[in-house]
Amino acid sequence: PYFALLKPRVMSLVIFTALVGMVAAVEAGASLHPGLAVVSLAAIAVGAGASGALNMWWDADIDALMQRTKGRPVPAGRIEPGEALGLGVGLS
């Protein structure tokens, strides 16, 4: 359930967008060390996951009321709000 806090579908879109930006920069003539690119993508993924966890903590009361979001880990009671906050702050 902790992985779901990171909103992996949204995170994958963020990573894809960053990757496309890196490829476009290299195609335009910029140089990019492969190791730096991997570390950058990992940092972007962690940042996106942190914002997802913080968003689930912040919106837990609203998510519990909406049909589409009431099954998320915090409103469904699978994860305590403080744990979501801790994970989001820790990753941030």
C-alpha atoms as a PDB file:
ATOM      1  CA  PRO A   1       0.000   0.000   0.000  1.00  0.00           C
ATOM      2  CA  TYR A   2       2.929   2.408   0.506  1.00  0.00           C
ATOM      3  CA  PHE A   3       3.829   2.271  -3.180  1.00  0.00           C
ATOM      4  CA  ALA A   4       0.274   3.366  -4.038  1.00  0.00           C
ATOM      5  CA  LEU A   5       0.866   6.535  -1.983  1.00  0.00           C
ATOM      6  CA  LEU A   6       3.469   7.553  -4.555  1.00  0.00           C
ATOM      7  CA  LYS A   7       0.855   7.605  -7.330  1.00  0.00           C
ATOM      8  CA  PRO A   8       2.926   5.481  -9.741  1.00  0.00           C
ATOM      9  CA  ARG A   9       0.820   6.290 -12.800  1.00  0.00           C
ATOM     10  CA  VAL A  10       1.353  10.010 -12.332  1.00  0.00           C
ATOM     11  CA  MET A  11       5.011   9.408 -11.478  1.00  0.00           C
ATOM     12  CA  SER A  12       5.522   7.509 -14.741  1.00  0.00           C
ATOM     13  CA  LEU A  13       4.185  10.487 -16.706  1.00  0.00           C
ATOM     14  CA  VAL A  14       6.579  12.834 -14.918  1.00  0.00           C
ATOM     15  CA  ILE A  15       9.537  10.527 -15.577  1.00  0.00           C
ATOM     16  CA  PHE A  16       8.562  10.126 -19.220  1.00  0.00           C
ATOM     17  CA  THR A  17       8.308  13.894 -19.663  1.00  0.00           C
ATOM     18  CA  ALA A  18      11.739  14.401 -18.098  1.00  0.00           C
ATOM     19  CA  LEU A  19      13.236  11.679 -20.273  1.00  0.00           C
ATOM     20  CA  VAL A  20      11.801  13.243 -23.423  1.00  0.00           C
ATOM     21  CA  GLY A  21      13.260  16.590 -22.359  1.00  0.00           C
ATOM     22  CA  MET A  22      16.682  15.012 -21.876  1.00  0.00           C
ATOM     23  CA  VAL A  23      16.542  13.309 -25.263  1.00  0.00           C
ATOM     24  CA  ALA A  24      15.478  16.558 -26.919  1.00  0.00           C
ATOM     25  CA  ALA A  25      18.362  18.396 -25.240  1.00  0.00           C
ATOM     26  CA  VAL A  26      20.876  15.819 -26.445  1.00  0.00           C
ATOM     27  CA  GLU A  27      19.412  15.956 -29.968  1.00  0.00           C
ATOM     28  CA  ALA A  28      19.824  19.743 -29.865  1.00  0.00           C
ATOM     29  CA  GLY A  29      23.523  19.339 -29.131  1.00  0.00           C
ATOM     30  CA  ALA A  30      23.748  19.299 -25.336  1.00  0.00           C
ATOM     31  CA  SER A  31      25.999  16.761 -23.682  1.00  0.00           C
ATOM     32  CA  LEU A  32      24.583  14.641 -20.895  1.00  0.00           C
ATOM     33  CA  HIS A  33      26.485  12.080 -18.854  1.00  0.00           C
ATOM     34  CA  PRO A  34      24.454   8.840 -18.711  1.00  0.00           C
ATOM     35  CA  GLY A  35      25.037   8.441 -14.970  1.00  0.00           C
ATOM     36  CA  LEU A  36      23.832  11.969 -14.307  1.00  0.00           C
ATOM     37  CA  ALA A  37      20.762  11.316 -16.443  1.00  0.00           C
ATOM     38  CA  VAL A  38      19.874   8.203 -14.423  1.00  0.00           C
ATOM     39  CA  VAL A  39      20.401   9.972 -11.092  1.00  0.00           C
ATOM     40  CA  SER A  40      18.335  12.922 -12.327  1.00  0.00           C
ATOM     41  CA  LEU A  41      15.471  10.667 -13.382  1.00  0.00           C
ATOM     42  CA  ALA A  42      15.607   8.877 -10.019  1.00  0.00           C
ATOM     43  CA  ALA A  43      15.503  12.195  -8.156  1.00  0.00           C
ATOM     44  CA  ILE A  44      12.575  13.344 -10.286  1.00  0.00           C
ATOM     45  CA  ALA A  45      10.753  10.080  -9.534  1.00  0.00           C
ATOM     46  CA  VAL A  46      11.336  10.462  -5.793  1.00  0.00           C
ATOM     47  CA  GLY A  47      10.151  14.074  -5.884  1.00  0.00           C
ATOM     48  CA  ALA A  48       7.027  13.133  -7.812  1.00  0.00           C
ATOM     49  CA  GLY A  49       6.341  10.282  -5.388  1.00  0.00           C
ATOM     50  CA  ALA A  50       6.798  12.580  -2.415  1.00  0.00           C
ATOM     51  CA  SER A  51       4.278  15.031  -3.805  1.00  0.00           C
ATOM     52  CA  GLY A  52       1.842  12.165  -4.416  1.00  0.00           C
ATOM     53  CA  ALA A  53       2.136  10.974  -0.810  1.00  0.00           C
ATOM     54  CA  LEU A  54       1.734  14.497   0.547  1.00  0.00           C
ATOM     55  CA  ASN A  55      -1.284  15.029  -1.697  1.00  0.00           C
ATOM     56  CA  MET A  56      -2.930  11.854  -0.393  1.00  0.00           C
ATOM     57  CA  TRP A  57      -2.313  12.990   3.187  1.00  0.00           C
ATOM     58  CA  TRP A  58      -3.665  16.493   2.530  1.00  0.00           C
ATOM     59  CA  ASP A  59      -6.746  15.388   0.594  1.00  0.00           C
ATOM     60  CA  ALA A  60      -7.691  12.294   2.624  1.00  0.00           C
ATOM     61  CA  ASP A  61     -10.912  13.844   3.918  1.00  0.00           C
ATOM     62  CA  ILE A  62     -12.010  14.898   0.432  1.00  0.00           C
ATOM     63  CA  ASP A  63     -10.911  11.596  -1.123  1.00  0.00           C
ATOM     64  CA  ALA A  64     -13.105   9.690   1.350  1.00  0.00           C
ATOM     65  CA  LEU A  65     -16.177  11.454  -0.062  1.00  0.00           C
ATOM     66  CA  MET A  66     -15.494  10.891  -3.758  1.00  0.00           C
ATOM     67  CA  GLN A  67     -16.399   7.605  -5.464  1.00  0.00           C
ATOM     68  CA  ARG A  68     -13.265   7.652  -7.634  1.00  0.00           C
ATOM     69  CA  THR A  69     -10.811   8.241  -4.772  1.00  0.00           C
ATOM     70  CA  LYS A  70     -12.349   6.635  -1.693  1.00  0.00           C
ATOM     71  CA  GLY A  71     -10.355   3.435  -2.270  1.00  0.00           C
ATOM     72  CA  ARG A  72      -6.976   5.168  -1.935  1.00  0.00           C
ATOM     73  CA  PRO A  73      -4.819   3.920   0.950  1.00  0.00           C
ATOM     74  CA  VAL A  74      -5.424   6.740   3.457  1.00  0.00           C
ATOM     75  CA  PRO A  75      -9.198   7.215   3.109  1.00  0.00           C
ATOM     76  CA  ALA A  76      -9.679   3.430   2.956  1.00  0.00           C
ATOM     77  CA  GLY A  77      -7.811   3.070   6.267  1.00  0.00           C
ATOM     78  CA  ARG A  78      -4.994   0.876   4.942  1.00  0.00           C
ATOM     79  CA  ILE A  79      -2.425   3.531   5.884  1.00  0.00           C
ATOM     80  CA  GLU A  80      -2.618   6.054   8.708  1.00  0.00           C
ATOM     81  CA  PRO A  81      -2.498   9.735   7.675  1.00  0.00           C
ATOM     82  CA  GLY A  82       0.637  10.300   9.746  1.00  0.00           C
ATOM     83  CA  GLU A  83       2.426   7.533   7.862  1.00  0.00           C
ATOM     84  CA  ALA A  84       1.557   9.144   4.521  1.00  0.00           C
ATOM     85  CA  LEU A  85       2.776  12.493   5.821  1.00  0.00           C
ATOM     86  CA  GLY A  86       5.987  10.924   7.109  1.00  0.00           C
ATOM     87  CA  LEU A  87       6.675   9.189   3.832  1.00  0.00           C
ATOM     88  CA  GLY A  88       6.028  12.355   1.824  1.00  0.00           C
ATOM     89  CA  VAL A  89       8.181  14.529   4.054  1.00  0.00           C
ATOM     90  CA  GLY A  90      10.918  11.882   4.213  1.00  0.00           C
ATOM     91  CA  LEU A  91      11.096  11.560   0.451  1.00  0.00           C
ATOM     92  CA  SER A  92      11.002  15.325   0.040  1.00  0.00           C
END
